[in-house]
Amino acid sequence: MGDCTTDLRQEIVNAYQHFGDLELIHRSQAGDTDAFGELVTKYRTKIFNMIYGMVGNETDAWDLAQEGFLKAWRSIHRFQGRSSFYTWLYRITINVTIDSLRQRCRRSEVELDDAISSFLPGPGVNYERAKIREQVYAALAQLTLEHRVVIALKEIEDLHYHEIAEILNVSIGTVMSRLFYGRKQLQSILRPIFNQRYESQRPPPM
């Protein structure tokens, strides 16, 4: 019963957000830069977190976020409401980020544990957890681009499978497959790091 109530509440929140976005979108399509600025303010943190999970560099992430928003502004007249605005925006931003990564030849071959989200602390983290977050992002950077994108959208942005599939224009099965193999490879990367950390924190034998 609780799950049904939660799902219904989330659907109501999503619907309210969608209609709120539509008003700002219509104003933006009429050339209202202030309205588009409200959309930027609303989504910039989520967009930044998603990009940072892919590139692992704060300056690059902000630059790519700005580039994504600029591209969205230039294309806003083509938005027809067939998907939610954030899905449309994420798709644009991901494409911008992927293009940038490909141009810099930063692709590599490897792949998190199902508990990755517990290793991604929010604002106000202490030094130790900030260090863990750096290690996780460094591990993410070793993933293939396809797996890195799915991990960022699922574990950092907490999107649903169908939302990720829509953003990436792939099937839900493909999303689940990439997420499964991405997590397994990240687990293999992170296991030695966290095993070493665990051993260093064990009390000495009596």
Protein backbone atom coordinates (compact mmCIF):
# COMPACT_ATOMS: atom_id res chain seq x y z
CA MET A 1 0.00 0.00 0.00
CA GLY A 2 2.84 2.32 0.87
CA ASP A 3 4.53 1.78 -2.49
CA CYS A 4 1.29 2.57 -4.36
CA THR A 5 0.83 5.76 -2.35
CA THR A 6 4.42 6.78 -3.03
CA ASP A 7 4.05 6.10 -6.76
CA LEU A 8 0.82 8.11 -6.91
CA ARG A 9 2.38 11.00 -5.04
CA GLN A 10 5.35 10.94 -7.43
CA GLU A 11 3.03 10.96 -10.45
CA ILE A 12 1.23 14.01 -9.05
CA VAL A 13 4.56 15.78 -8.44
CA ASN A 14 5.72 14.93 -11.97
CA ALA A 15 2.47 16.19 -13.49
CA TYR A 16 2.66 19.44 -11.52
CA GLN A 17 6.28 19.89 -12.57
CA HIS A 18 5.42 19.17 -16.20
CA PHE A 19 2.68 21.81 -16.34
CA GLY A 20 4.90 24.31 -14.54
CA ASP A 21 7.60 23.69 -17.13
CA LEU A 22 5.17 24.11 -20.03
CA GLU A 23 4.36 27.68 -19.04
CA LEU A 24 8.06 28.56 -18.88
CA ILE A 25 8.71 26.74 -22.16
CA HIS A 26 5.97 28.65 -24.00
CA ARG A 27 7.35 31.93 -22.71
CA SER A 28 10.88 30.84 -23.70
CA GLN A 29 9.69 29.95 -27.20
CA ALA A 30 8.33 33.49 -27.45
CA GLY A 31 11.83 34.81 -26.71
CA ASP A 32 11.53 35.35 -22.94
CA THR A 33 15.07 34.81 -21.65
CA ASP A 34 13.97 35.25 -18.03
CA ALA A 35 11.61 32.30 -18.38
CA PHE A 36 14.39 30.15 -19.79
CA GLY A 37 16.62 31.35 -16.95
CA GLU A 38 14.07 29.90 -14.52
CA LEU A 39 14.33 26.54 -16.28
CA VAL A 40 18.12 26.73 -16.07
CA THR A 41 17.96 27.50 -12.35
CA LYS A 42 15.54 24.62 -11.81
CA TYR A 43 17.67 21.96 -13.52
CA ARG A 44 21.27 23.18 -13.43
CA THR A 45 22.28 21.24 -10.30
CA LYS A 46 20.88 17.94 -11.61
CA ILE A 47 22.47 18.55 -15.01
CA PHE A 48 25.83 19.37 -13.41
CA ASN A 49 25.76 16.25 -11.21
CA MET A 50 24.95 14.07 -14.18
CA ILE A 51 27.78 15.53 -16.29
CA TYR A 52 30.25 15.45 -13.40
CA GLY A 53 29.53 11.75 -13.01
CA MET A 54 30.59 11.32 -16.64
CA VAL A 55 33.63 13.61 -16.87
CA GLY A 56 34.92 13.70 -13.27
CA ASN A 57 36.07 17.31 -13.55
CA GLU A 58 34.14 20.22 -12.01
CA THR A 59 35.27 22.90 -14.44
CA ASP A 60 34.57 20.71 -17.47
CA ALA A 61 31.18 19.75 -16.03
CA TRP A 62 30.09 23.37 -15.61
CA ASP A 63 31.37 24.26 -19.09
CA LEU A 64 29.46 21.38 -20.66
CA ALA A 65 26.34 22.23 -18.67
CA GLN A 66 26.51 25.78 -20.00
CA GLU A 67 27.00 24.48 -23.51
CA GLY A 68 24.03 22.16 -23.11
CA PHE A 69 21.76 24.94 -21.86
CA LEU A 70 22.88 27.20 -24.69
CA LYS A 71 22.10 24.51 -27.23
CA ALA A 72 18.71 23.95 -25.57
CA TRP A 73 17.95 27.69 -25.79
CA ARG A 74 18.79 27.72 -29.46
CA SER A 75 16.57 24.67 -30.02
CA ILE A 76 13.70 25.58 -27.67
CA HIS A 77 11.39 26.44 -30.58
CA ARG A 78 11.64 22.78 -31.68
CA PHE A 79 10.43 21.39 -28.35
CA GLN A 80 6.94 19.97 -28.94
CA GLY A 81 6.19 18.43 -25.57
CA ARG A 82 6.31 14.81 -26.72
CA SER A 83 8.53 14.09 -23.73
CA SER A 84 9.05 15.96 -20.48
CA PHE A 85 11.34 18.98 -20.67
CA TYR A 86 14.00 17.43 -18.43
CA THR A 87 14.12 14.32 -20.63
CA TRP A 88 14.60 16.54 -23.68
CA LEU A 89 17.21 18.62 -21.85
CA TYR A 90 19.10 15.57 -20.57
CA ARG A 91 19.23 14.14 -24.06
CA ILE A 92 20.75 17.36 -25.42
CA THR A 93 23.23 17.62 -22.57
CA ILE A 94 24.30 14.00 -22.77
CA ASN A 95 24.94 14.34 -26.49
CA VAL A 96 27.04 17.45 -25.85
CA THR A 97 29.02 15.59 -23.18
CA ILE A 98 29.50 12.47 -25.28
CA ASP A 99 30.71 14.56 -28.23
CA SER A 100 33.18 16.33 -25.94
CA LEU A 101 34.50 13.06 -24.49
CA ARG A 102 34.92 11.54 -27.92
CA GLN A 103 36.76 14.60 -29.18
CA ARG A 104 39.19 14.39 -26.26
CA CYS A 105 39.71 10.66 -26.81
CA ARG A 106 39.01 9.93 -23.18
CA ARG A 107 37.29 6.62 -23.71
CA SER A 108 38.58 3.56 -21.82
CA GLU A 109 37.70 -0.07 -21.31
CA VAL A 110 36.48 -0.89 -17.79
CA GLU A 111 33.42 -0.67 -15.35
CA LEU A 112 29.86 -0.15 -9.44
CA ASP A 113 28.46 -2.04 -6.92
CA ASP A 114 24.66 -1.90 -6.42
CA ALA A 115 25.37 0.31 -3.44
CA ILE A 116 27.17 3.02 -5.42
CA SER A 117 24.66 5.63 -4.35
CA SER A 118 25.83 5.23 -0.75
CA PHE A 119 29.30 6.27 -1.90
CA LEU A 120 28.04 9.50 -3.48
CA PRO A 121 27.56 11.89 -0.56
CA GLY A 122 25.80 15.21 -0.91
CA PRO A 123 26.84 18.72 0.20
CA GLY A 124 28.57 19.15 3.55
CA VAL A 125 30.48 15.88 3.44
CA ASN A 126 33.43 15.36 5.69
CA TYR A 127 36.93 14.81 4.36
CA GLU A 128 36.75 11.02 4.45
CA ARG A 129 33.51 10.80 2.48
CA ALA A 130 34.72 13.44 0.04
CA LYS A 131 37.76 11.24 -0.55
CA ILE A 132 35.50 8.23 -1.18
CA ARG A 133 33.48 10.25 -3.67
CA GLU A 134 36.66 11.17 -5.56
CA GLN A 135 37.60 7.49 -5.77
CA VAL A 136 34.14 6.60 -7.08
CA TYR A 137 34.26 9.30 -9.75
CA ALA A 138 37.76 8.18 -10.73
CA ALA A 139 36.37 4.65 -11.14
CA LEU A 140 33.47 5.97 -13.20
CA ALA A 141 35.95 7.63 -15.53
CA GLN A 142 37.31 4.16 -16.39
CA LEU A 143 33.98 2.95 -17.76
CA THR A 144 33.11 2.79 -21.40
CA LEU A 145 31.06 5.79 -22.39
CA GLU A 146 27.83 3.79 -22.80
CA HIS A 147 28.07 2.30 -19.30
CA ARG A 148 29.15 5.58 -17.71
CA VAL A 149 26.10 7.40 -19.04
CA VAL A 150 23.67 4.78 -17.72
CA ILE A 151 25.37 4.67 -14.31
CA ALA A 152 25.25 8.48 -14.04
CA LEU A 153 21.56 8.66 -14.93
CA LYS A 154 20.52 5.75 -12.69
CA GLU A 155 22.75 6.00 -9.64
CA ILE A 156 23.45 9.73 -9.50
CA GLU A 157 20.23 11.12 -10.95
CA ASP A 158 18.03 8.22 -9.72
CA LEU A 159 15.99 8.12 -12.93
CA HIS A 160 13.68 5.22 -13.77
CA TYR A 161 14.61 2.68 -16.44
CA HIS A 162 12.00 3.98 -18.88
CA GLU A 163 13.24 7.56 -18.43
CA ILE A 164 16.82 6.52 -19.18
CA ALA A 165 15.65 4.51 -22.19
CA GLU A 166 13.78 7.54 -23.51
CA ILE A 167 16.71 9.88 -22.99
CA LEU A 168 19.20 7.54 -24.69
CA ASN A 169 16.72 6.29 -27.30
CA VAL A 170 17.43 2.64 -26.46
CA SER A 171 15.29 -0.20 -25.10
CA ILE A 172 14.74 -0.76 -21.38
CA GLY A 173 16.50 -4.11 -21.80
CA THR A 174 19.59 -2.33 -23.12
CA VAL A 175 19.52 0.05 -20.14
CA MET A 176 19.30 -2.87 -17.70
CA SER A 177 22.08 -4.76 -19.45
CA ARG A 178 24.45 -1.78 -19.47
CA LEU A 179 23.65 -1.05 -15.83
CA PHE A 180 24.31 -4.65 -14.82
CA TYR A 181 27.68 -4.90 -16.55
CA GLY A 182 28.65 -1.37 -15.52
CA ARG A 183 28.02 -2.16 -11.87
CA LYS A 184 29.98 -5.42 -12.09
CA GLN A 185 33.00 -3.71 -13.62
CA LEU A 186 32.86 -0.85 -11.14
CA GLN A 187 32.69 -3.36 -8.34
CA SER A 188 35.88 -4.97 -9.61
CA ILE A 189 37.58 -1.56 -9.71
CA LEU A 190 36.40 -0.41 -6.29
CA ARG A 191 36.71 -3.66 -4.35
CA PRO A 192 40.52 -3.41 -3.85
CA ILE A 193 40.19 0.23 -2.80
CA PHE A 194 37.53 -0.41 -0.18
CA ASN A 195 39.14 -3.65 1.00
CA GLN A 196 42.34 -1.70 1.61
CA ARG A 197 40.37 1.00 3.43
CA TYR A 198 38.63 -1.62 5.58
CA GLU A 199 41.93 -3.28 6.49
CA SER A 200 43.49 0.07 7.43
CA GLN A 201 40.57 0.76 9.82
CA ARG A 202 40.61 -2.63 11.56
CA PRO A 203 41.87 -2.48 15.14
CA PRO A 204 45.27 -4.09 15.69
CA PRO A 205 45.26 -7.64 17.09
CA MET A 206 45.38 -7.87 20.86
